[in-house]
Amino acid sequence: MASAGTKGKSKKAAKPRGASKKSAWDLRLYIAGRTPRAERALKNLERICAEHLAGQYRVVVIDLLKIPQLAKGDQIVAVPTLVRNLPTPMRRIIGDLSNTERVLIGLDIRAR
């Protein structure tokens, strides 16, 4: 998975993570610090991606305590929030991603 700001920049607020540079799934996880809830969301997202996206994903973790201006672009009003940019249409899921079935449906990986 990745975090925003790692390519050519010294900021460590976001680090790219994932198995492939040519990813079919482009995901952003917005957090506000390394809270227990943020850590749960990250672990749950890593597990879901590994089990259901078979290396065809890229995740960028964005810590809004370090780069708050990035919240505006994806209209983030709560954290943690997962944003799916690709495949389109964009989707958002708020919470720690512990309800796997809800996340799979929200990301349109599994039919409702």
C-alpha atoms as a PDB file:
ATOM      1  CA  MET A   1       0.000   0.000   0.000  1.00  0.00           C
ATOM      2  CA  ALA A   2       1.146   3.517  -0.544  1.00  0.00           C
ATOM      3  CA  SER A   3       1.133   6.765   1.267  1.00  0.00           C
ATOM      4  CA  ALA A   4       0.703  10.173  -0.327  1.00  0.00           C
ATOM      5  CA  GLY A   5       3.811  12.226  -0.651  1.00  0.00           C
ATOM      6  CA  THR A   6       6.478   9.537  -1.048  1.00  0.00           C
ATOM      7  CA  LYS A   7       7.553  10.062  -4.659  1.00  0.00           C
ATOM      8  CA  GLY A   8      10.315  12.635  -4.705  1.00  0.00           C
ATOM      9  CA  LYS A   9       9.163  14.248  -1.482  1.00  0.00           C
ATOM     10  CA  SER A  10      10.390  13.990   2.058  1.00  0.00           C
ATOM     11  CA  LYS A  11       6.939  13.924   3.659  1.00  0.00           C
ATOM     12  CA  LYS A  12       6.090  10.619   5.265  1.00  0.00           C
ATOM     13  CA  ALA A  13       2.364  11.181   5.696  1.00  0.00           C
ATOM     14  CA  ALA A  14       1.365   8.730   3.008  1.00  0.00           C
ATOM     15  CA  LYS A  15       3.089   5.612   1.720  1.00  0.00           C
ATOM     16  CA  PRO A  16       2.175   3.733  -1.494  1.00  0.00           C
ATOM     17  CA  ARG A  17       1.413   0.090  -0.875  1.00  0.00           C
ATOM     18  CA  GLY A  18       0.232  -2.640  -3.149  1.00  0.00           C
ATOM     19  CA  ALA A  19       1.358  -5.349  -5.468  1.00  0.00           C
ATOM     20  CA  SER A  20       1.333  -3.686  -8.852  1.00  0.00           C
ATOM     21  CA  LYS A  21       2.088  -0.327 -10.429  1.00  0.00           C
ATOM     22  CA  LYS A  22      -0.539  -1.075 -13.113  1.00  0.00           C
ATOM     23  CA  SER A  23      -3.351  -1.449 -10.631  1.00  0.00           C
ATOM     24  CA  ALA A  24      -6.952  -2.000 -11.574  1.00  0.00           C
ATOM     25  CA  TRP A  25      -7.963  -0.762  -8.112  1.00  0.00           C
ATOM     26  CA  ASP A  26      -6.822   2.654  -6.894  1.00  0.00           C
ATOM     27  CA  LEU A  27      -7.713   3.110  -3.227  1.00  0.00           C
ATOM     28  CA  ARG A  28      -7.020   5.857  -0.681  1.00  0.00           C
ATOM     29  CA  LEU A  29      -7.372   5.370   3.045  1.00  0.00           C
ATOM     30  CA  TYR A  30      -7.714   8.647   4.924  1.00  0.00           C
ATOM     31  CA  ILE A  31      -6.784   8.542   8.615  1.00  0.00           C
ATOM     32  CA  ALA A  32      -6.046  11.103  11.331  1.00  0.00           C
ATOM     33  CA  GLY A  33      -3.006   9.785  13.154  1.00  0.00           C
ATOM     34  CA  ARG A  34      -2.110   6.232  14.076  1.00  0.00           C
ATOM     35  CA  THR A  35      -5.098   5.637  16.335  1.00  0.00           C
ATOM     36  CA  PRO A  36      -6.337   2.139  17.177  1.00  0.00           C
ATOM     37  CA  ARG A  37      -9.278   2.665  14.801  1.00  0.00           C
ATOM     38  CA  ALA A  38      -6.951   3.777  11.985  1.00  0.00           C
ATOM     39  CA  GLU A  39      -4.713   0.763  12.584  1.00  0.00           C
ATOM     40  CA  ARG A  40      -7.758  -1.568  12.466  1.00  0.00           C
ATOM     41  CA  ALA A  41      -8.896   0.022   9.202  1.00  0.00           C
ATOM     42  CA  LEU A  42      -5.450  -0.444   7.676  1.00  0.00           C
ATOM     43  CA  LYS A  43      -5.167  -4.085   8.785  1.00  0.00           C
ATOM     44  CA  ASN A  44      -8.689  -4.844   7.565  1.00  0.00           C
ATOM     45  CA  LEU A  45      -7.998  -3.170   4.227  1.00  0.00           C
ATOM     46  CA  GLU A  46      -4.740  -5.092   3.781  1.00  0.00           C
ATOM     47  CA  ARG A  47      -6.550  -8.362   4.476  1.00  0.00           C
ATOM     48  CA  ILE A  48      -9.450  -7.575   2.125  1.00  0.00           C
ATOM     49  CA  CYS A  49      -7.104  -6.520  -0.696  1.00  0.00           C
ATOM     50  CA  ALA A  50      -4.941  -9.631  -0.291  1.00  0.00           C
ATOM     51  CA  GLU A  51      -7.958 -11.943  -0.279  1.00  0.00           C
ATOM     52  CA  HIS A  52     -10.117 -10.330  -2.968  1.00  0.00           C
ATOM     53  CA  LEU A  53      -8.048  -8.133  -5.290  1.00  0.00           C
ATOM     54  CA  ALA A  54      -5.204 -10.530  -6.132  1.00  0.00           C
ATOM     55  CA  GLY A  55      -2.386  -7.998  -6.406  1.00  0.00           C
ATOM     56  CA  GLN A  56      -4.338  -5.701  -8.723  1.00  0.00           C
ATOM     57  CA  TYR A  57      -4.521  -2.801  -6.315  1.00  0.00           C
ATOM     58  CA  ARG A  58      -2.694   0.241  -5.045  1.00  0.00           C
ATOM     59  CA  VAL A  59      -3.495   1.766  -1.680  1.00  0.00           C
ATOM     60  CA  VAL A  60      -2.374   5.208  -0.575  1.00  0.00           C
ATOM     61  CA  VAL A  61      -2.649   5.937   3.148  1.00  0.00           C
ATOM     62  CA  ILE A  62      -3.138   9.640   3.807  1.00  0.00           C
ATOM     63  CA  ASP A  63      -2.685  10.953   7.334  1.00  0.00           C
ATOM     64  CA  LEU A  64      -4.730  14.134   7.533  1.00  0.00           C
ATOM     65  CA  LEU A  65      -2.887  15.258  10.663  1.00  0.00           C
ATOM     66  CA  LYS A  66       0.208  15.612   8.471  1.00  0.00           C
ATOM     67  CA  ILE A  67      -1.386  16.745   5.195  1.00  0.00           C
ATOM     68  CA  PRO A  68      -4.848  18.162   6.040  1.00  0.00           C
ATOM     69  CA  GLN A  69      -5.305  19.925   2.696  1.00  0.00           C
ATOM     70  CA  LEU A  70      -5.736  16.544   0.962  1.00  0.00           C
ATOM     71  CA  ALA A  71      -9.122  16.066   2.655  1.00  0.00           C
ATOM     72  CA  LYS A  72     -10.748  18.675   0.451  1.00  0.00           C
ATOM     73  CA  GLY A  73     -10.152  16.901  -2.860  1.00  0.00           C
ATOM     74  CA  ASP A  74     -12.073  13.750  -1.901  1.00  0.00           C
ATOM     75  CA  GLN A  75     -14.488  15.651   0.402  1.00  0.00           C
ATOM     76  CA  ILE A  76     -13.472  13.767   3.541  1.00  0.00           C
ATOM     77  CA  VAL A  77     -15.676  14.589   6.524  1.00  0.00           C
ATOM     78  CA  ALA A  78     -14.906  11.596   8.785  1.00  0.00           C
ATOM     79  CA  VAL A  79     -11.980   9.257   9.331  1.00  0.00           C
ATOM     80  CA  PRO A  80     -11.056   6.603   8.630  1.00  0.00           C
ATOM     81  CA  THR A  81     -12.519   6.833   5.127  1.00  0.00           C
ATOM     82  CA  LEU A  82     -11.674   4.564   2.226  1.00  0.00           C
ATOM     83  CA  VAL A  83     -12.032   6.114  -1.243  1.00  0.00           C
ATOM     84  CA  ARG A  84     -12.082   4.007  -4.394  1.00  0.00           C
ATOM     85  CA  ASN A  85     -10.948   6.136  -7.353  1.00  0.00           C
ATOM     86  CA  LEU A  86     -10.602   3.279  -9.825  1.00  0.00           C
ATOM     87  CA  PRO A  87     -12.487   1.525 -11.165  1.00  0.00           C
ATOM     88  CA  THR A  88     -14.990   4.305 -11.602  1.00  0.00           C
ATOM     89  CA  PRO A  89     -17.373   5.465 -10.273  1.00  0.00           C
ATOM     90  CA  MET A  90     -15.701   6.761  -7.134  1.00  0.00           C
ATOM     91  CA  ARG A  91     -16.979   5.245  -3.887  1.00  0.00           C
ATOM     92  CA  ARG A  92     -16.437   6.039  -0.195  1.00  0.00           C
ATOM     93  CA  ILE A  93     -16.634   3.804   2.857  1.00  0.00           C
ATOM     94  CA  ILE A  94     -16.399   5.322   6.335  1.00  0.00           C
ATOM     95  CA  GLY A  95     -15.260   3.312   9.344  1.00  0.00           C
ATOM     96  CA  ASP A  96     -12.672   0.747  10.367  1.00  0.00           C
ATOM     97  CA  LEU A  97     -13.649  -1.653   7.536  1.00  0.00           C
ATOM     98  CA  SER A  98     -14.336  -4.464  10.013  1.00  0.00           C
ATOM     99  CA  ASN A  99     -17.547  -5.518   8.263  1.00  0.00           C
ATOM    100  CA  THR A 100     -15.953  -7.320   5.329  1.00  0.00           C
ATOM    101  CA  GLU A 101     -19.222  -8.014   3.531  1.00  0.00           C
ATOM    102  CA  ARG A 102     -20.177  -4.323   3.689  1.00  0.00           C
ATOM    103  CA  VAL A 103     -16.763  -3.301   2.344  1.00  0.00           C
ATOM    104  CA  LEU A 104     -16.940  -5.819  -0.516  1.00  0.00           C
ATOM    105  CA  ILE A 105     -20.385  -4.562  -1.482  1.00  0.00           C
ATOM    106  CA  GLY A 106     -19.330  -0.921  -1.044  1.00  0.00           C
ATOM    107  CA  LEU A 107     -16.327  -1.407  -3.302  1.00  0.00           C
ATOM    108  CA  ASP A 108     -18.521  -3.318  -5.756  1.00  0.00           C
ATOM    109  CA  ILE A 109     -16.380  -6.437  -5.450  1.00  0.00           C
ATOM    110  CA  ARG A 110     -19.340  -8.555  -4.414  1.00  0.00           C
ATOM    111  CA  ALA A 111     -22.919  -8.178  -5.617  1.00  0.00           C
ATOM    112  CA  ARG A 112     -25.564  -7.002  -3.137  1.00  0.00           C
END
